[in-house]
Amino acid sequence: MNYEKIKQIGVVIIIVIAIIILGMVAINQTLGFFYKSQFLQSPCALCVDINPEWGRCYDIINSEMKNPTQSNSIEFDISKIEIK
């Protein structure tokens, strides 16, 4: 084998390695974006998907937040405050 043929094979190997590295970086960034966007949109739902045994607790907490009961509300009576 002469020097030119070795040089061409080396260039091809470098190009193949560069394409593989760029592909891996692209896949990593795509997956990172997907999971970060999903986590920022609904972290509780993602937690329930990962831990299905917590689904009942999530449903209870979620329903209490949407429909607060009278016992969960705090009321202040400021009618008897005197300002001097």
C-alpha atoms as a PDB file:
ATOM      1  CA  MET A   1       0.000   0.000   0.000  1.00  0.00           C
ATOM      2  CA  ASN A   2       1.259   3.373  -0.825  1.00  0.00           C
ATOM      3  CA  TYR A   3       1.049   6.583   1.159  1.00  0.00           C
ATOM      4  CA  GLU A   4      -1.919   8.034  -0.796  1.00  0.00           C
ATOM      5  CA  LYS A   5      -4.120   4.988  -0.162  1.00  0.00           C
ATOM      6  CA  ILE A   6      -3.351   5.052   3.595  1.00  0.00           C
ATOM      7  CA  LYS A   7      -4.111   8.770   3.651  1.00  0.00           C
ATOM      8  CA  GLN A   8      -7.499   8.214   1.946  1.00  0.00           C
ATOM      9  CA  ILE A   9      -8.424   5.414   4.369  1.00  0.00           C
ATOM     10  CA  GLY A  10      -7.458   7.658   7.307  1.00  0.00           C
ATOM     11  CA  VAL A  11      -9.624  10.495   6.002  1.00  0.00           C
ATOM     12  CA  VAL A  12     -12.576   8.116   5.542  1.00  0.00           C
ATOM     13  CA  ILE A  13     -12.162   6.776   9.072  1.00  0.00           C
ATOM     14  CA  ILE A  14     -12.021  10.322  10.503  1.00  0.00           C
ATOM     15  CA  ILE A  15     -15.169  11.313   8.566  1.00  0.00           C
ATOM     16  CA  VAL A  16     -17.043   8.198   9.777  1.00  0.00           C
ATOM     17  CA  ILE A  17     -16.021   8.867  13.392  1.00  0.00           C
ATOM     18  CA  ALA A  18     -17.081  12.534  13.086  1.00  0.00           C
ATOM     19  CA  ILE A  19     -20.502  11.517  11.699  1.00  0.00           C
ATOM     20  CA  ILE A  20     -20.991   9.008  14.538  1.00  0.00           C
ATOM     21  CA  ILE A  21     -20.047  11.627  17.152  1.00  0.00           C
ATOM     22  CA  LEU A  22     -22.385  14.236  15.640  1.00  0.00           C
ATOM     23  CA  GLY A  23     -25.205  11.672  15.560  1.00  0.00           C
ATOM     24  CA  MET A  24     -24.675  10.768  19.200  1.00  0.00           C
ATOM     25  CA  VAL A  25     -24.649  14.446  20.228  1.00  0.00           C
ATOM     26  CA  ALA A  26     -27.844  15.084  18.243  1.00  0.00           C
ATOM     27  CA  ILE A  27     -29.625  12.111  19.837  1.00  0.00           C
ATOM     28  CA  ASN A  28     -28.456  13.161  23.300  1.00  0.00           C
ATOM     29  CA  GLN A  29     -29.675  16.730  22.829  1.00  0.00           C
ATOM     30  CA  THR A  30     -33.029  15.594  21.406  1.00  0.00           C
ATOM     31  CA  LEU A  31     -33.698  13.210  24.287  1.00  0.00           C
ATOM     32  CA  GLY A  32     -32.569  15.827  26.814  1.00  0.00           C
ATOM     33  CA  PHE A  33     -34.919  18.413  25.314  1.00  0.00           C
ATOM     34  CA  PHE A  34     -37.833  15.957  25.262  1.00  0.00           C
ATOM     35  CA  TYR A  35     -37.478  14.912  28.895  1.00  0.00           C
ATOM     36  CA  LYS A  36     -36.731  18.432  30.173  1.00  0.00           C
ATOM     37  CA  SER A  37     -39.775  19.859  28.415  1.00  0.00           C
ATOM     38  CA  GLN A  38     -41.955  17.032  29.720  1.00  0.00           C
ATOM     39  CA  PHE A  39     -40.638  17.522  33.258  1.00  0.00           C
ATOM     40  CA  LEU A  40     -41.180  21.291  33.195  1.00  0.00           C
ATOM     41  CA  GLN A  41     -44.731  20.906  31.876  1.00  0.00           C
ATOM     42  CA  SER A  42     -45.964  18.317  34.363  1.00  0.00           C
ATOM     43  CA  PRO A  43     -43.491  17.118  36.990  1.00  0.00           C
ATOM     44  CA  CYS A  44     -46.167  15.445  39.134  1.00  0.00           C
ATOM     45  CA  ALA A  45     -47.603  13.469  36.230  1.00  0.00           C
ATOM     46  CA  LEU A  46     -44.107  12.368  35.239  1.00  0.00           C
ATOM     47  CA  CYS A  47     -43.464  11.241  38.826  1.00  0.00           C
ATOM     48  CA  VAL A  48     -46.688   9.209  38.818  1.00  0.00           C
ATOM     49  CA  ASP A  49     -45.700   7.631  35.488  1.00  0.00           C
ATOM     50  CA  ILE A  50     -42.388   6.561  36.993  1.00  0.00           C
ATOM     51  CA  ASN A  51     -43.914   5.542  40.379  1.00  0.00           C
ATOM     52  CA  PRO A  52     -47.421   4.173  39.703  1.00  0.00           C
ATOM     53  CA  GLU A  53     -47.926   3.310  43.390  1.00  0.00           C
ATOM     54  CA  TRP A  54     -48.129   7.061  44.140  1.00  0.00           C
ATOM     55  CA  GLY A  55     -51.001   7.563  41.698  1.00  0.00           C
ATOM     56  CA  ARG A  56     -53.680   7.546  44.406  1.00  0.00           C
ATOM     57  CA  CYS A  57     -51.865  10.188  46.472  1.00  0.00           C
ATOM     58  CA  TYR A  58     -51.425  12.337  43.363  1.00  0.00           C
ATOM     59  CA  ASP A  59     -55.150  12.083  42.544  1.00  0.00           C
ATOM     60  CA  ILE A  60     -56.132  13.093  46.104  1.00  0.00           C
ATOM     61  CA  ILE A  61     -53.746  16.050  46.219  1.00  0.00           C
ATOM     62  CA  ASN A  62     -54.698  17.168  42.727  1.00  0.00           C
ATOM     63  CA  SER A  63     -58.424  17.053  43.501  1.00  0.00           C
ATOM     64  CA  GLU A  64     -57.919  18.999  46.751  1.00  0.00           C
ATOM     65  CA  MET A  65     -56.015  21.712  44.915  1.00  0.00           C
ATOM     66  CA  LYS A  66     -58.702  22.046  42.245  1.00  0.00           C
ATOM     67  CA  ASN A  67     -61.611  22.021  44.730  1.00  0.00           C
ATOM     68  CA  PRO A  68     -60.464  23.445  48.068  1.00  0.00           C
ATOM     69  CA  THR A  69     -62.807  22.662  50.920  1.00  0.00           C
ATOM     70  CA  GLN A  70     -63.898  25.078  53.645  1.00  0.00           C
ATOM     71  CA  SER A  71     -61.529  23.449  56.150  1.00  0.00           C
ATOM     72  CA  ASN A  72     -58.529  24.223  53.968  1.00  0.00           C
ATOM     73  CA  SER A  73     -59.269  27.933  53.661  1.00  0.00           C
ATOM     74  CA  ILE A  74     -58.015  30.536  56.133  1.00  0.00           C
ATOM     75  CA  GLU A  75     -60.158  33.517  57.062  1.00  0.00           C
ATOM     76  CA  PHE A  76     -59.093  36.620  58.963  1.00  0.00           C
ATOM     77  CA  ASP A  77     -61.507  38.896  60.790  1.00  0.00           C
ATOM     78  CA  ILE A  78     -60.026  42.383  60.685  1.00  0.00           C
ATOM     79  CA  SER A  79     -63.167  44.251  61.728  1.00  0.00           C
ATOM     80  CA  LYS A  80     -62.100  44.492  65.416  1.00  0.00           C
ATOM     81  CA  ILE A  81     -58.672  45.997  64.751  1.00  0.00           C
ATOM     82  CA  GLU A  82     -58.259  49.511  66.131  1.00  0.00           C
ATOM     83  CA  ILE A  83     -55.748  51.833  64.539  1.00  0.00           C
ATOM     84  CA  LYS A  84     -54.541  54.634  66.813  1.00  0.00           C
END
